[in-house]
PDB file of N, CA and C in Angstrom:
ATOM      1  N   MET A   1      -8.286  36.333  -2.402  1.00  0.00           N
ATOM      2  CA  MET A   1      -8.164  34.997  -1.914  1.00  0.00           C
ATOM      3  C   MET A   1      -7.287  34.189  -2.865  1.00  0.00           C
ATOM      4  N   ILE A   2      -6.458  33.328  -2.327  1.00  0.00           N
ATOM      5  CA  ILE A   2      -5.550  32.516  -3.132  1.00  0.00           C
ATOM      6  C   ILE A   2      -6.239  31.198  -3.452  1.00  0.00           C
ATOM      7  N   ALA A   3      -6.269  30.861  -4.743  1.00  0.00           N
ATOM      8  CA  ALA A   3      -6.859  29.584  -5.157  1.00  0.00           C
ATOM      9  C   ALA A   3      -5.847  28.471  -4.909  1.00  0.00           C
ATOM     10  N   ARG A   4      -6.300  27.359  -4.387  1.00  0.00           N
ATOM     11  CA  ARG A   4      -5.416  26.235  -4.098  1.00  0.00           C
ATOM     12  C   ARG A   4      -5.647  25.134  -5.112  1.00  0.00           C
ATOM     13  N   ASP A   5      -4.560  24.648  -5.675  1.00  0.00           N
ATOM     14  CA  ASP A   5      -4.616  23.547  -6.622  1.00  0.00           C
ATOM     15  C   ASP A   5      -4.579  22.241  -5.835  1.00  0.00           C
ATOM     16  N   PRO A   6      -5.615  21.392  -5.924  1.00  0.00           N
ATOM     17  CA  PRO A   6      -5.636  20.154  -5.154  1.00  0.00           C
ATOM     18  C   PRO A   6      -4.461  19.235  -5.489  1.00  0.00           C
ATOM     19  N   ARG A   7      -4.008  19.286  -6.735  1.00  0.00           N
ATOM     20  CA  ARG A   7      -2.863  18.440  -7.100  1.00  0.00           C
ATOM     21  C   ARG A   7      -1.601  18.902  -6.395  1.00  0.00           C
ATOM     22  N   LEU A   8      -1.439  20.210  -6.248  1.00  0.00           N
ATOM     23  CA  LEU A   8      -0.282  20.753  -5.561  1.00  0.00           C
ATOM     24  C   LEU A   8      -0.321  20.387  -4.079  1.00  0.00           C
ATOM     25  N   CYS A   9      -1.489  20.469  -3.476  1.00  0.00           N
ATOM     26  CA  CYS A   9      -1.643  20.089  -2.065  1.00  0.00           C
ATOM     27  C   CYS A   9      -1.350  18.604  -1.866  1.00  0.00           C
ATOM     28  N   ALA A  10      -1.826  17.770  -2.789  1.00  0.00           N
ATOM     29  CA  ALA A  10      -1.573  16.333  -2.693  1.00  0.00           C
ATOM     30  C   ALA A  10      -0.091  16.043  -2.850  1.00  0.00           C
ATOM     31  N   ALA A  11       0.568  16.724  -3.774  1.00  0.00           N
ATOM     32  CA  ALA A  11       2.006  16.513  -3.978  1.00  0.00           C
ATOM     33  C   ALA A  11       2.791  16.963  -2.753  1.00  0.00           C
ATOM     34  N   ALA A  12       2.405  18.081  -2.165  1.00  0.00           N
ATOM     35  CA  ALA A  12       3.088  18.565  -0.965  1.00  0.00           C
ATOM     36  C   ALA A  12       2.880  17.598   0.195  1.00  0.00           C
ATOM     37  N   GLY A  13       1.674  17.081   0.333  1.00  0.00           N
ATOM     38  CA  GLY A  13       1.403  16.101   1.392  1.00  0.00           C
ATOM     39  C   GLY A  13       2.190  14.826   1.182  1.00  0.00           C
ATOM     40  N   ALA A  14       2.288  14.383  -0.063  1.00  0.00           N
ATOM     41  CA  ALA A  14       3.052  13.173  -0.372  1.00  0.00           C
ATOM     42  C   ALA A  14       4.525  13.375  -0.057  1.00  0.00           C
ATOM     43  N   LEU A  15       5.055  14.538  -0.396  1.00  0.00           N
ATOM     44  CA  LEU A  15       6.450  14.831  -0.106  1.00  0.00           C
ATOM     45  C   LEU A  15       6.696  14.866   1.399  1.00  0.00           C
ATOM     46  N   LEU A  16       5.790  15.445   2.135  1.00  0.00           N
ATOM     47  CA  LEU A  16       5.920  15.500   3.591  1.00  0.00           C
ATOM     48  C   LEU A  16       5.921  14.093   4.192  1.00  0.00           C
ATOM     49  N   CYS A  17       5.019  13.239   3.731  1.00  0.00           N
ATOM     50  CA  CYS A  17       4.970  11.859   4.222  1.00  0.00           C
ATOM     51  C   CYS A  17       6.262  11.112   3.902  1.00  0.00           C
ATOM     52  N   LEU A  18       6.775  11.315   2.717  1.00  0.00           N
ATOM     53  CA  LEU A  18       8.015  10.665   2.318  1.00  0.00           C
ATOM     54  C   LEU A  18       9.171  11.131   3.187  1.00  0.00           C
ATOM     55  N   LEU A  19       9.249  12.420   3.433  1.00  0.00           N
ATOM     56  CA  LEU A  19      10.317  12.943   4.285  1.00  0.00           C
ATOM     57  C   LEU A  19      10.216  12.398   5.708  1.00  0.00           C
ATOM     58  N   LEU A  20       9.017  12.297   6.231  1.00  0.00           N
ATOM     59  CA  LEU A  20       8.834  11.739   7.569  1.00  0.00           C
ATOM     60  C   LEU A  20       9.232  10.273   7.619  1.00  0.00           C
ATOM     61  N   ALA A  21       8.903   9.522   6.582  1.00  0.00           N
ATOM     62  CA  ALA A  21       9.258   8.109   6.534  1.00  0.00           C
ATOM     63  C   ALA A  21      10.765   7.930   6.476  1.00  0.00           C
ATOM     64  N   VAL A  22      11.445   8.768   5.709  1.00  0.00           N
ATOM     65  CA  VAL A  22      12.903   8.679   5.604  1.00  0.00           C
ATOM     66  C   VAL A  22      13.548   9.043   6.934  1.00  0.00           C
ATOM     67  N   CYS A  23      13.064  10.088   7.566  1.00  0.00           N
ATOM     68  CA  CYS A  23      13.636  10.506   8.850  1.00  0.00           C
ATOM     69  C   CYS A  23      13.381   9.482   9.949  1.00  0.00           C
ATOM     70  N   ALA A  24      12.297   8.751   9.865  1.00  0.00           N
ATOM     71  CA  ALA A  24      11.949   7.768  10.891  1.00  0.00           C
ATOM     72  C   ALA A  24      12.572   6.408  10.624  1.00  0.00           C
ATOM     73  N   ALA A  25      13.295   6.264   9.515  1.00  0.00           N
ATOM     74  CA  ALA A  25      13.894   4.972   9.166  1.00  0.00           C
ATOM     75  C   ALA A  25      14.916   4.575  10.224  1.00  0.00           C
ATOM     76  N   PRO A  26      14.909   3.307  10.620  1.00  0.00           N
ATOM     77  CA  PRO A  26      15.842   2.864  11.647  1.00  0.00           C
ATOM     78  C   PRO A  26      17.280   2.844  11.120  1.00  0.00           C
ATOM     79  N   ALA A  27      18.221   3.012  12.033  1.00  0.00           N
ATOM     80  CA  ALA A  27      19.635   2.942  11.676  1.00  0.00           C
ATOM     81  C   ALA A  27      19.986   1.499  11.313  1.00  0.00           C
ATOM     82  N   THR A  28      21.004   1.330  10.498  1.00  0.00           N
ATOM     83  CA  THR A  28      21.355  -0.007  10.029  1.00  0.00           C
ATOM     84  C   THR A  28      22.522  -0.615  10.806  1.00  0.00           C
ATOM     85  N   THR A  29      22.933  -0.005  11.889  1.00  0.00           N
ATOM     86  CA  THR A  29      24.033  -0.560  12.670  1.00  0.00           C
ATOM     87  C   THR A  29      23.545  -1.770  13.465  1.00  0.00           C
ATOM     88  N   GLU A  30      24.436  -2.719  13.652  1.00  0.00           N
ATOM     89  CA  GLU A  30      24.079  -3.926  14.405  1.00  0.00           C
ATOM     90  C   GLU A  30      24.070  -3.612  15.895  1.00  0.00           C
ATOM     91  N   VAL A  31      23.065  -4.098  16.571  1.00  0.00           N
ATOM     92  CA  VAL A  31      22.907  -3.850  18.002  1.00  0.00           C
ATOM     93  C   VAL A  31      23.136  -5.151  18.753  1.00  0.00           C
ATOM     94  N   ARG A  32      23.871  -5.048  19.835  1.00  0.00           N
ATOM     95  CA  ARG A  32      24.095  -6.190  20.702  1.00  0.00           C
ATOM     96  C   ARG A  32      23.540  -5.837  22.071  1.00  0.00           C
ATOM     97  N   TRP A  33      22.756  -6.755  22.618  1.00  0.00           N
ATOM     98  CA  TRP A  33      22.177  -6.540  23.938  1.00  0.00           C
ATOM     99  C   TRP A  33      23.091  -7.178  24.975  1.00  0.00           C
ATOM    100  N   VAL A  34      23.380  -6.438  26.052  1.00  0.00           N
ATOM    101  CA  VAL A  34      24.274  -6.930  27.094  1.00  0.00           C
ATOM    102  C   VAL A  34      23.628  -6.744  28.462  1.00  0.00           C
ATOM    103  N   LYS A  35      24.023  -7.630  29.368  1.00  0.00           N
ATOM    104  CA  LYS A  35      23.573  -7.561  30.759  1.00  0.00           C
ATOM    105  C   LYS A  35      24.633  -8.256  31.593  1.00  0.00           C
ATOM    106  N   THR A  36      25.001  -7.651  32.665  1.00  0.00           N
ATOM    107  CA  THR A  36      26.011  -8.228  33.536  1.00  0.00           C
ATOM    108  C   THR A  36      25.551  -9.600  34.030  1.00  0.00           C
ATOM    109  N   GLY A  37      26.391 -10.598  33.836  1.00  0.00           N
ATOM    110  CA  GLY A  37      26.092 -11.944  34.292  1.00  0.00           C
ATOM    111  C   GLY A  37      25.275 -12.784  33.321  1.00  0.00           C
ATOM    112  N   ALA A  38      24.853 -12.225  32.209  1.00  0.00           N
ATOM    113  CA  ALA A  38      24.038 -12.973  31.241  1.00  0.00           C
ATOM    114  C   ALA A  38      24.938 -13.582  30.173  1.00  0.00           C
ATOM    115  N   ASP A  39      24.802 -14.880  29.971  1.00  0.00           N
ATOM    116  CA  ASP A  39      25.565 -15.535  28.910  1.00  0.00           C
ATOM    117  C   ASP A  39      24.811 -15.428  27.584  1.00  0.00           C
ATOM    118  N   ASP A  40      25.430 -15.909  26.511  1.00  0.00           N
ATOM    119  CA  ASP A  40      24.815 -15.807  25.182  1.00  0.00           C
ATOM    120  C   ASP A  40      23.466 -16.523  25.108  1.00  0.00           C
ATOM    121  N   ALA A  41      23.345 -17.647  25.791  1.00  0.00           N
ATOM    122  CA  ALA A  41      22.082 -18.395  25.768  1.00  0.00           C
ATOM    123  C   ALA A  41      20.960 -17.583  26.418  1.00  0.00           C
ATOM    124  N   ALA A  42      21.269 -16.912  27.522  1.00  0.00           N
ATOM    125  CA  ALA A  42      20.258 -16.094  28.203  1.00  0.00           C
ATOM    126  C   ALA A  42      19.853 -14.903  27.339  1.00  0.00           C
ATOM    127  N   VAL A  43      20.835 -14.293  26.695  1.00  0.00           N
ATOM    128  CA  VAL A  43      20.543 -13.156  25.819  1.00  0.00           C
ATOM    129  C   VAL A  43      19.628 -13.610  24.684  1.00  0.00           C
ATOM    130  N   GLN A  44      19.951 -14.749  24.066  1.00  0.00           N
ATOM    131  CA  GLN A  44      19.146 -15.247  22.949  1.00  0.00           C
ATOM    132  C   GLN A  44      17.732 -15.615  23.395  1.00  0.00           C
ATOM    133  N   ARG A  45      17.617 -16.220  24.570  1.00  0.00           N
ATOM    134  CA  ARG A  45      16.301 -16.598  25.084  1.00  0.00           C
ATOM    135  C   ARG A  45      15.433 -15.364  25.333  1.00  0.00           C
ATOM    136  N   GLU A  46      15.999 -14.371  26.003  1.00  0.00           N
ATOM    137  CA  GLU A  46      15.242 -13.148  26.302  1.00  0.00           C
ATOM    138  C   GLU A  46      14.966 -12.347  25.029  1.00  0.00           C
ATOM    139  N   LEU A  47      15.921 -12.331  24.113  1.00  0.00           N
ATOM    140  CA  LEU A  47      15.711 -11.635  22.850  1.00  0.00           C
ATOM    141  C   LEU A  47      14.606 -12.314  22.041  1.00  0.00           C
ATOM    142  N   GLY A  48      14.561 -13.635  22.093  1.00  0.00           N
ATOM    143  CA  GLY A  48      13.490 -14.367  21.412  1.00  0.00           C
ATOM    144  C   GLY A  48      12.125 -14.019  21.979  1.00  0.00           C
ATOM    145  N   ASP A  49      12.047 -13.920  23.309  1.00  0.00           N
ATOM    146  CA  ASP A  49      10.790 -13.546  23.954  1.00  0.00           C
ATOM    147  C   ASP A  49      10.363 -12.129  23.544  1.00  0.00           C
ATOM    148  N   CYS A  50      11.314 -11.202  23.558  1.00  0.00           N
ATOM    149  CA  CYS A  50      10.993  -9.821  23.199  1.00  0.00           C
ATOM    150  C   CYS A  50      10.668  -9.697  21.710  1.00  0.00           C
ATOM    151  N   ASN A  51      11.339 -10.480  20.869  1.00  0.00           N
ATOM    152  CA  ASN A  51      11.011 -10.471  19.441  1.00  0.00           C
ATOM    153  C   ASN A  51       9.595 -10.972  19.209  1.00  0.00           C
ATOM    154  N   ALA A  52       9.174 -11.968  19.980  1.00  0.00           N
ATOM    155  CA  ALA A  52       7.799 -12.470  19.856  1.00  0.00           C
ATOM    156  C   ALA A  52       6.802 -11.371  20.213  1.00  0.00           C
ATOM    157  N   GLN A  53       7.097 -10.601  21.264  1.00  0.00           N
ATOM    158  CA  GLN A  53       6.222  -9.489  21.642  1.00  0.00           C
ATOM    159  C   GLN A  53       6.204  -8.408  20.562  1.00  0.00           C
ATOM    160  N   ALA A  54       7.381  -8.130  19.992  1.00  0.00           N
ATOM    161  CA  ALA A  54       7.465  -7.118  18.931  1.00  0.00           C
ATOM    162  C   ALA A  54       6.715  -7.578  17.686  1.00  0.00           C
ATOM    163  N   ASN A  55       6.825  -8.861  17.355  1.00  0.00           N
ATOM    164  CA  ASN A  55       6.108  -9.390  16.191  1.00  0.00           C
ATOM    165  C   ASN A  55       4.605  -9.332  16.392  1.00  0.00           C
ATOM    166  N   ALA A  56       4.149  -9.590  17.618  1.00  0.00           N
ATOM    167  CA  ALA A  56       2.717  -9.487  17.916  1.00  0.00           C
ATOM    168  C   ALA A  56       2.246  -8.040  17.774  1.00  0.00           C
ATOM    169  N   ALA A  57       3.066  -7.101  18.246  1.00  0.00           N
ATOM    170  CA  ALA A  57       2.723  -5.677  18.110  1.00  0.00           C
ATOM    171  C   ALA A  57       2.694  -5.273  16.643  1.00  0.00           C
ATOM    172  N   LEU A  58       3.645  -5.786  15.857  1.00  0.00           N
ATOM    173  CA  LEU A  58       3.685  -5.475  14.438  1.00  0.00           C
ATOM    174  C   LEU A  58       2.453  -6.025  13.721  1.00  0.00           C
ATOM    175  N   ALA A  59       2.069  -7.239  14.060  1.00  0.00           N
ATOM    176  CA  ALA A  59       0.868  -7.829  13.450  1.00  0.00           C
ATOM    177  C   ALA A  59      -0.370  -7.003  13.793  1.00  0.00           C
ATOM    178  N   ASN A  60      -0.453  -6.543  15.023  1.00  0.00           N
ATOM    179  CA  ASN A  60      -1.572  -5.702  15.440  1.00  0.00           C
ATOM    180  C   ASN A  60      -1.591  -4.388  14.657  1.00  0.00           C
ATOM    181  N   GLU A  61      -0.433  -3.756  14.519  1.00  0.00           N
ATOM    182  CA  GLU A  61      -0.345  -2.503  13.772  1.00  0.00           C
ATOM    183  C   GLU A  61      -0.707  -2.714  12.305  1.00  0.00           C
ATOM    184  N   ARG A  62      -0.276  -3.829  11.739  1.00  0.00           N
ATOM    185  CA  ARG A  62      -0.627  -4.116  10.345  1.00  0.00           C
ATOM    186  C   ARG A  62      -2.136  -4.310  10.190  1.00  0.00           C
ATOM    187  N   GLY A  63      -2.771  -4.907  11.183  1.00  0.00           N
ATOM    188  CA  GLY A  63      -4.226  -5.045  11.159  1.00  0.00           C
ATOM    189  C   GLY A  63      -4.913  -3.688  11.204  1.00  0.00           C
ATOM    190  N   ILE A  64      -4.411  -2.819  12.048  1.00  0.00           N
ATOM    191  CA  ILE A  64      -4.956  -1.458  12.129  1.00  0.00           C
ATOM    192  C   ILE A  64      -4.757  -0.744  10.798  1.00  0.00           C
ATOM    193  N   ASN A  65      -3.560  -0.899  10.214  1.00  0.00           N
ATOM    194  CA  ASN A  65      -3.279  -0.262   8.925  1.00  0.00           C
ATOM    195  C   ASN A  65      -4.209  -0.791   7.835  1.00  0.00           C
ATOM    196  N   ALA A  66      -4.529  -2.082   7.879  1.00  0.00           N
ATOM    197  CA  ALA A  66      -5.460  -2.651   6.893  1.00  0.00           C
ATOM    198  C   ALA A  66      -6.842  -2.029   7.051  1.00  0.00           C
ATOM    199  N   ASP A  67      -7.269  -1.805   8.289  1.00  0.00           N
ATOM    200  CA  ASP A  67      -8.557  -1.152   8.531  1.00  0.00           C
ATOM    201  C   ASP A  67      -8.546   0.287   8.008  1.00  0.00           C
ATOM    202  N   ILE A  68      -7.443   0.988   8.260  1.00  0.00           N
ATOM    203  CA  ILE A  68      -7.331   2.369   7.773  1.00  0.00           C
ATOM    204  C   ILE A  68      -7.365   2.382   6.251  1.00  0.00           C
ATOM    205  N   ASN A  69      -6.646   1.435   5.638  1.00  0.00           N
ATOM    206  CA  ASN A  69      -6.621   1.362   4.179  1.00  0.00           C
ATOM    207  C   ASN A  69      -8.012   1.067   3.614  1.00  0.00           C
ATOM    208  N   ALA A  70      -8.765   0.213   4.299  1.00  0.00           N
ATOM    209  CA  ALA A  70     -10.118  -0.101   3.838  1.00  0.00           C
ATOM    210  C   ALA A  70     -11.010   1.135   3.873  1.00  0.00           C
ATOM    211  N   THR A  71     -10.749   2.001   4.838  1.00  0.00           N
ATOM    212  CA  THR A  71     -11.554   3.210   4.978  1.00  0.00           C
ATOM    213  C   THR A  71     -11.089   4.329   4.046  1.00  0.00           C
ATOM    214  N   LEU A  72      -9.778   4.531   3.963  1.00  0.00           N
ATOM    215  CA  LEU A  72      -9.245   5.688   3.251  1.00  0.00           C
ATOM    216  C   LEU A  72      -8.544   5.360   1.939  1.00  0.00           C
ATOM    217  N   GLY A  73      -8.370   4.074   1.650  1.00  0.00           N
ATOM    218  CA  GLY A  73      -7.609   3.665   0.473  1.00  0.00           C
ATOM    219  C   GLY A  73      -8.118   4.252  -0.825  1.00  0.00           C
ATOM    220  N   GLY A  74      -9.425   4.333  -0.983  1.00  0.00           N
ATOM    221  CA  GLY A  74      -9.992   4.914  -2.203  1.00  0.00           C
ATOM    222  C   GLY A  74      -9.624   6.377  -2.357  1.00  0.00           C
ATOM    223  N   ASN A  75      -9.642   7.108  -1.247  1.00  0.00           N
ATOM    224  CA  ASN A  75      -9.259   8.522  -1.296  1.00  0.00           C
ATOM    225  C   ASN A  75      -7.793   8.668  -1.688  1.00  0.00           C
ATOM    226  N   TRP A  76      -6.943   7.790  -1.137  1.00  0.00           N
ATOM    227  CA  TRP A  76      -5.521   7.852  -1.443  1.00  0.00           C
ATOM    228  C   TRP A  76      -5.260   7.523  -2.903  1.00  0.00           C
ATOM    229  N   GLN A  77      -5.986   6.540  -3.424  1.00  0.00           N
ATOM    230  CA  GLN A  77      -5.823   6.202  -4.835  1.00  0.00           C
ATOM    231  C   GLN A  77      -6.263   7.363  -5.715  1.00  0.00           C
ATOM    232  N   PHE A  78      -7.358   7.980  -5.354  1.00  0.00           N
ATOM    233  CA  PHE A  78      -7.880   9.117  -6.123  1.00  0.00           C
ATOM    234  C   PHE A  78      -6.889  10.279  -6.119  1.00  0.00           C
ATOM    235  N   SER A  79      -6.238  10.505  -4.974  1.00  0.00           N
ATOM    236  CA  SER A  79      -5.304  11.629  -4.870  1.00  0.00           C
ATOM    237  C   SER A  79      -3.898  11.262  -5.315  1.00  0.00           C
ATOM    238  N   GLY A  80      -3.651   9.976  -5.587  1.00  0.00           N
ATOM    239  CA  GLY A  80      -2.332   9.555  -6.037  1.00  0.00           C
ATOM    240  C   GLY A  80      -1.312   9.390  -4.928  1.00  0.00           C
ATOM    241  N   THR A  81      -1.765   9.299  -3.683  1.00  0.00           N
ATOM    242  CA  THR A  81      -0.832   9.190  -2.563  1.00  0.00           C
ATOM    243  C   THR A  81      -0.847   7.809  -1.917  1.00  0.00           C
ATOM    244  N   SER A  82      -1.478   6.846  -2.551  1.00  0.00           N
ATOM    245  CA  SER A  82      -1.644   5.526  -1.956  1.00  0.00           C
ATOM    246  C   SER A  82      -0.310   4.880  -1.587  1.00  0.00           C
ATOM    247  N   GLY A  83       0.636   4.892  -2.511  1.00  0.00           N
ATOM    248  CA  GLY A  83       1.933   4.265  -2.254  1.00  0.00           C
ATOM    249  C   GLY A  83       2.668   4.905  -1.093  1.00  0.00           C
ATOM    250  N   ILE A  84       2.638   6.208  -1.049  1.00  0.00           N
ATOM    251  CA  ILE A  84       3.327   6.930   0.022  1.00  0.00           C
ATOM    252  C   ILE A  84       2.652   6.679   1.365  1.00  0.00           C
ATOM    253  N   GLU A  85       1.333   6.658   1.371  1.00  0.00           N
ATOM    254  CA  GLU A  85       0.607   6.393   2.615  1.00  0.00           C
ATOM    255  C   GLU A  85       0.927   4.996   3.140  1.00  0.00           C
ATOM    256  N   HIS A  86       0.966   4.009   2.235  1.00  0.00           N
ATOM    257  CA  HIS A  86       1.289   2.643   2.653  1.00  0.00           C
ATOM    258  C   HIS A  86       2.710   2.569   3.202  1.00  0.00           C
ATOM    259  N   GLN A  87       3.633   3.252   2.549  1.00  0.00           N
ATOM    260  CA  GLN A  87       5.020   3.254   3.001  1.00  0.00           C
ATOM    261  C   GLN A  87       5.139   3.912   4.376  1.00  0.00           C
ATOM    262  N   ALA A  88       4.464   5.022   4.565  1.00  0.00           N
ATOM    263  CA  ALA A  88       4.519   5.727   5.845  1.00  0.00           C
ATOM    264  C   ALA A  88       3.912   4.881   6.966  1.00  0.00           C
ATOM    265  N   MET A  89       2.779   4.237   6.684  1.00  0.00           N
ATOM    266  CA  MET A  89       2.154   3.393   7.710  1.00  0.00           C
ATOM    267  C   MET A  89       3.037   2.192   8.034  1.00  0.00           C
ATOM    268  N   GLY A  90       3.680   1.618   7.015  1.00  0.00           N
ATOM    269  CA  GLY A  90       4.578   0.489   7.252  1.00  0.00           C
ATOM    270  C   GLY A  90       5.775   0.887   8.100  1.00  0.00           C
ATOM    271  N   ALA A  91       6.343   2.053   7.809  1.00  0.00           N
ATOM    272  CA  ALA A  91       7.481   2.543   8.590  1.00  0.00           C
ATOM    273  C   ALA A  91       7.072   2.829  10.031  1.00  0.00           C
ATOM    274  N   GLN A  92       5.892   3.390  10.205  1.00  0.00           N
ATOM    275  CA  GLN A  92       5.404   3.681  11.550  1.00  0.00           C
ATOM    276  C   GLN A  92       5.185   2.385  12.334  1.00  0.00           C
ATOM    277  N   ALA A  93       4.623   1.378  11.698  1.00  0.00           N
ATOM    278  CA  ALA A  93       4.390   0.092  12.367  1.00  0.00           C
ATOM    279  C   ALA A  93       5.712  -0.565  12.748  1.00  0.00           C
ATOM    280  N   ALA A  94       6.687  -0.514  11.847  1.00  0.00           N
ATOM    281  CA  ALA A  94       7.996  -1.101  12.142  1.00  0.00           C
ATOM    282  C   ALA A  94       8.679  -0.358  13.287  1.00  0.00           C
ATOM    283  N   GLY A  95       8.544   0.963  13.308  1.00  0.00           N
ATOM    284  CA  GLY A  95       9.111   1.747  14.398  1.00  0.00           C
ATOM    285  C   GLY A  95       8.478   1.400  15.737  1.00  0.00           C
ATOM    286  N   TYR A  96       7.180   1.172  15.732  1.00  0.00           N
ATOM    287  CA  TYR A  96       6.494   0.784  16.965  1.00  0.00           C
ATOM    288  C   TYR A  96       6.972  -0.583  17.443  1.00  0.00           C
ATOM    289  N   ALA A  97       7.152  -1.523  16.513  1.00  0.00           N
ATOM    290  CA  ALA A  97       7.648  -2.851  16.879  1.00  0.00           C
ATOM    291  C   ALA A  97       9.054  -2.746  17.475  1.00  0.00           C
ATOM    292  N   ASP A  98       9.882  -1.877  16.934  1.00  0.00           N
ATOM    293  CA  ASP A  98      11.222  -1.660  17.491  1.00  0.00           C
ATOM    294  C   ASP A  98      11.142  -1.103  18.908  1.00  0.00           C
ATOM    295  N   GLN A  99      10.202  -0.201  19.137  1.00  0.00           N
ATOM    296  CA  GLN A  99      10.027   0.355  20.479  1.00  0.00           C
ATOM    297  C   GLN A  99       9.614  -0.733  21.465  1.00  0.00           C
ATOM    298  N   VAL A 100       8.732  -1.631  21.035  1.00  0.00           N
ATOM    299  CA  VAL A 100       8.293  -2.728  21.900  1.00  0.00           C
ATOM    300  C   VAL A 100       9.483  -3.621  22.242  1.00  0.00           C
ATOM    301  N   LEU A 101      10.288  -3.962  21.241  1.00  0.00           N
ATOM    302  CA  LEU A 101      11.469  -4.798  21.475  1.00  0.00           C
ATOM    303  C   LEU A 101      12.427  -4.118  22.445  1.00  0.00           C
ATOM    304  N   ASN A 102      12.739  -2.849  22.201  1.00  0.00           N
ATOM    305  CA  ASN A 102      13.671  -2.124  23.069  1.00  0.00           C
ATOM    306  C   ASN A 102      13.145  -2.016  24.495  1.00  0.00           C
ATOM    307  N   SER A 103      11.874  -1.704  24.645  1.00  0.00           N
ATOM    308  CA  SER A 103      11.293  -1.591  25.991  1.00  0.00           C
ATOM    309  C   SER A 103      11.318  -2.922  26.720  1.00  0.00           C
ATOM    310  N   CYS A 104      11.031  -3.989  26.007  1.00  0.00           N
ATOM    311  CA  CYS A 104      11.030  -5.320  26.599  1.00  0.00           C
ATOM    312  C   CYS A 104      12.429  -5.697  27.103  1.00  0.00           C
ATOM    313  N   MET A 105      13.434  -5.488  26.253  1.00  0.00           N
ATOM    314  CA  MET A 105      14.797  -5.856  26.651  1.00  0.00           C
ATOM    315  C   MET A 105      15.293  -4.988  27.805  1.00  0.00           C
ATOM    316  N   ARG A 106      14.951  -3.720  27.787  1.00  0.00           N
ATOM    317  CA  ARG A 106      15.364  -2.844  28.894  1.00  0.00           C
ATOM    318  C   ARG A 106      14.661  -3.242  30.191  1.00  0.00           C
ATOM    319  N   ALA A 107      13.404  -3.652  30.090  1.00  0.00           N
ATOM    320  CA  ALA A 107      12.670  -4.093  31.279  1.00  0.00           C
ATOM    321  C   ALA A 107      13.292  -5.351  31.865  1.00  0.00           C
ATOM    322  N   LYS A 108      13.970  -6.134  31.041  1.00  0.00           N
ATOM    323  CA  LYS A 108      14.636  -7.347  31.511  1.00  0.00           C
ATOM    324  C   LYS A 108      16.048  -7.057  32.013  1.00  0.00           C
ATOM    325  N   GLY A 109      16.445  -5.779  32.011  1.00  0.00           N
ATOM    326  CA  GLY A 109      17.746  -5.379  32.536  1.00  0.00           C
ATOM    327  C   GLY A 109      18.860  -5.322  31.521  1.00  0.00           C
ATOM    328  N   PHE A 110      18.553  -5.420  30.238  1.00  0.00           N
ATOM    329  CA  PHE A 110      19.584  -5.370  29.196  1.00  0.00           C
ATOM    330  C   PHE A 110      19.782  -3.933  28.726  1.00  0.00           C
ATOM    331  N   SER A 111      20.947  -3.694  28.161  1.00  0.00           N
ATOM    332  CA  SER A 111      21.223  -2.398  27.525  1.00  0.00           C
ATOM    333  C   SER A 111      21.856  -2.659  26.162  1.00  0.00           C
ATOM    334  N   LYS A 112      21.744  -1.671  25.295  1.00  0.00           N
ATOM    335  CA  LYS A 112      22.286  -1.790  23.939  1.00  0.00           C
ATOM    336  C   LYS A 112      23.772  -1.487  23.937  1.00  0.00           C
ATOM    337  N   GLU A 113      24.468  -2.264  23.139  1.00  0.00           N
ATOM    338  CA  GLU A 113      25.885  -1.994  22.895  1.00  0.00           C
ATOM    339  C   GLU A 113      26.070  -2.051  21.385  1.00  0.00           C
ATOM    340  N   SER A 114      26.502  -0.944  20.795  1.00  0.00           N
ATOM    341  CA  SER A 114      26.649  -0.962  19.332  1.00  0.00           C
ATOM    342  C   SER A 114      28.097  -0.870  18.923  1.00  0.00           C
TER     343      SER A 114
END
C-alpha cells in the first residue's frame, strides 16, 4: 500500500484550484453590445438593467461563499489552502455574474461585438 502525505495532497489540491481559477479567468477584451435599431441610450439603459441583475447574482454568490467559508474555513486554514479556496470561489462567483449579464443582454436581443 502506498502511504499518502497529507501535505502533498493539500499542495496538489491547491495547485489544481489555482489552475482552474486561471483557466476560468475572463478575457480582458472590451465588449460592445449591439442590436439593430438600438441607439446608445437604449444600449446603456438595458446594460444598466442587466448589470443590476448581475450585481444581485454576485451578491447572492458572495453570501453563499461566506456560508461555505464559515463551515469549511477552519479546515482550509489548517490545510493551508484558505487563500486559494477564497480565490477560486471569488472567480466562480464573478464568472456566474458574467453569465447572468450575458444571458440578460441576449434575452433582450443584443449580441456581443468585440
